[in-house]
């Protein structure tokens, strides 16, 4: 069974996956990367803009694909709203 590595880039922090996980197919690995990114997004603080990336490679270090999420909250205050 092929082994996939899911490295994470959180802003300027790189977190390598040195062990990896065995999964039956590339498609299953892609779904796992997407779920991992969603889990990371759930824990994000809305206080600052942030980008999180999950990069997937095979057991020989060849890059296969990446999932990315850019999160930012823009507060427009009362712009465009009538005074109440």
C-alpha atoms as a PDB file:
ATOM      1  CA  UNK A   1       0.000   0.000   0.000  1.00  0.00           C
ATOM      2  CA  UNK A   2       1.432   3.435  -0.869  1.00  0.00           C
ATOM      3  CA  UNK A   3       2.574   5.810   1.875  1.00  0.00           C
ATOM      4  CA  UNK A   4       1.663   9.494   1.722  1.00  0.00           C
ATOM      5  CA  UNK A   5       3.186  12.385   3.669  1.00  0.00           C
ATOM      6  CA  UNK A   6       1.079  15.383   4.708  1.00  0.00           C
ATOM      7  CA  UNK A   7       3.319  18.368   5.421  1.00  0.00           C
ATOM      8  CA  UNK A   8       1.632  21.453   6.853  1.00  0.00           C
ATOM      9  CA  UNK A   9       2.552  25.084   6.268  1.00  0.00           C
ATOM     10  CA  UNK A  10       0.864  27.451   8.709  1.00  0.00           C
ATOM     11  CA  UNK A  11       1.938  30.980   7.852  1.00  0.00           C
ATOM     12  CA  UNK A  12       5.708  30.846   8.204  1.00  0.00           C
ATOM     13  CA  UNK A  13       5.700  27.609  10.245  1.00  0.00           C
ATOM     14  CA  UNK A  14       6.526  24.369   8.387  1.00  0.00           C
ATOM     15  CA  UNK A  15       5.478  21.096  10.044  1.00  0.00           C
ATOM     16  CA  UNK A  16       6.882  18.071   8.199  1.00  0.00           C
ATOM     17  CA  UNK A  17       5.190  14.686   8.244  1.00  0.00           C
ATOM     18  CA  UNK A  18       8.201  12.416   8.597  1.00  0.00           C
ATOM     19  CA  UNK A  19       6.211   9.225   9.197  1.00  0.00           C
ATOM     20  CA  UNK A  20       3.400   9.421   6.648  1.00  0.00           C
ATOM     21  CA  UNK A  21       0.358   7.200   6.442  1.00  0.00           C
ATOM     22  CA  UNK A  22      -0.489   4.244   4.246  1.00  0.00           C
ATOM     23  CA  UNK A  23      -3.600   4.770   2.146  1.00  0.00           C
ATOM     24  CA  UNK A  24      -4.994   2.691  -0.700  1.00  0.00           C
ATOM     25  CA  UNK A  25      -5.066   5.362  -3.429  1.00  0.00           C
ATOM     26  CA  UNK A  26      -4.067   8.875  -4.363  1.00  0.00           C
ATOM     27  CA  UNK A  27      -7.765   9.841  -4.338  1.00  0.00           C
ATOM     28  CA  UNK A  28      -8.092   8.725  -0.714  1.00  0.00           C
ATOM     29  CA  UNK A  29      -4.973  10.757   0.148  1.00  0.00           C
ATOM     30  CA  UNK A  30      -6.489  13.802  -1.550  1.00  0.00           C
ATOM     31  CA  UNK A  31      -9.698  13.434   0.474  1.00  0.00           C
ATOM     32  CA  UNK A  32      -7.644  13.069   3.664  1.00  0.00           C
ATOM     33  CA  UNK A  33      -5.693  16.250   2.862  1.00  0.00           C
ATOM     34  CA  UNK A  34      -8.956  18.125   2.349  1.00  0.00           C
ATOM     35  CA  UNK A  35     -10.356  16.854   5.655  1.00  0.00           C
ATOM     36  CA  UNK A  36      -7.124  17.777   7.435  1.00  0.00           C
ATOM     37  CA  UNK A  37      -7.293  21.304   6.055  1.00  0.00           C
ATOM     38  CA  UNK A  38     -10.917  21.637   7.182  1.00  0.00           C
ATOM     39  CA  UNK A  39      -9.964  20.449  10.688  1.00  0.00           C
ATOM     40  CA  UNK A  40      -7.145  23.004  10.847  1.00  0.00           C
ATOM     41  CA  UNK A  41      -9.512  25.754   9.672  1.00  0.00           C
ATOM     42  CA  UNK A  42     -11.964  24.939  12.458  1.00  0.00           C
ATOM     43  CA  UNK A  43      -9.275  25.774  15.019  1.00  0.00           C
ATOM     44  CA  UNK A  44      -8.254  29.076  13.398  1.00  0.00           C
ATOM     45  CA  UNK A  45      -8.647  32.300  15.315  1.00  0.00           C
ATOM     46  CA  UNK A  46     -10.573  34.974  13.423  1.00  0.00           C
ATOM     47  CA  UNK A  47      -8.243  37.660  14.804  1.00  0.00           C
ATOM     48  CA  UNK A  48      -5.756  37.727  11.929  1.00  0.00           C
ATOM     49  CA  UNK A  49      -5.395  36.808   8.279  1.00  0.00           C
ATOM     50  CA  UNK A  50      -3.834  33.418   7.865  1.00  0.00           C
ATOM     51  CA  UNK A  51      -2.911  30.908   5.188  1.00  0.00           C
ATOM     52  CA  UNK A  52      -2.708  27.168   5.810  1.00  0.00           C
ATOM     53  CA  UNK A  53      -1.447  24.655   3.268  1.00  0.00           C
ATOM     54  CA  UNK A  54      -1.330  20.849   3.346  1.00  0.00           C
ATOM     55  CA  UNK A  55       1.235  19.529   0.862  1.00  0.00           C
ATOM     56  CA  UNK A  56       1.065  15.846  -0.012  1.00  0.00           C
ATOM     57  CA  UNK A  57       4.015  13.854  -1.307  1.00  0.00           C
ATOM     58  CA  UNK A  58       4.734  10.209  -1.944  1.00  0.00           C
ATOM     59  CA  UNK A  59       7.164   8.109   0.095  1.00  0.00           C
ATOM     60  CA  UNK A  60      10.034   9.165  -2.165  1.00  0.00           C
ATOM     61  CA  UNK A  61       9.377  12.860  -1.549  1.00  0.00           C
ATOM     62  CA  UNK A  62       7.760  13.609  -4.912  1.00  0.00           C
ATOM     63  CA  UNK A  63       5.062  16.279  -4.552  1.00  0.00           C
ATOM     64  CA  UNK A  64       1.612  15.068  -5.559  1.00  0.00           C
ATOM     65  CA  UNK A  65      -0.755  17.935  -4.724  1.00  0.00           C
ATOM     66  CA  UNK A  66      -1.556  20.623  -2.187  1.00  0.00           C
ATOM     67  CA  UNK A  67      -4.654  21.999  -0.556  1.00  0.00           C
ATOM     68  CA  UNK A  68      -4.657  25.595   0.622  1.00  0.00           C
ATOM     69  CA  UNK A  69      -6.907  27.900   2.582  1.00  0.00           C
ATOM     70  CA  UNK A  70      -6.560  31.633   2.999  1.00  0.00           C
ATOM     71  CA  UNK A  71      -8.624  33.022   5.860  1.00  0.00           C
ATOM     72  CA  UNK A  72      -9.277  36.697   6.505  1.00  0.00           C
ATOM     73  CA  UNK A  73     -12.031  38.672   8.151  1.00  0.00           C
ATOM     74  CA  UNK A  74     -12.638  42.174   6.833  1.00  0.00           C
ATOM     75  CA  UNK A  75     -14.711  44.378   9.097  1.00  0.00           C
ATOM     76  CA  UNK A  76     -16.424  47.139   7.136  1.00  0.00           C
ATOM     77  CA  UNK A  77     -17.997  48.622  10.240  1.00  0.00           C
ATOM     78  CA  UNK A  78     -21.185  50.456   9.338  1.00  0.00           C
ATOM     79  CA  UNK A  79     -20.156  51.311   5.794  1.00  0.00           C
ATOM     80  CA  UNK A  80     -23.140  51.277   3.495  1.00  0.00           C
ATOM     81  CA  UNK A  81     -25.684  50.911   6.289  1.00  0.00           C
ATOM     82  CA  UNK A  82     -28.247  53.483   7.218  1.00  0.00           C
ATOM     83  CA  UNK A  83     -28.052  54.918  10.717  1.00  0.00           C
ATOM     84  CA  UNK A  84     -30.478  53.215  13.050  1.00  0.00           C
END
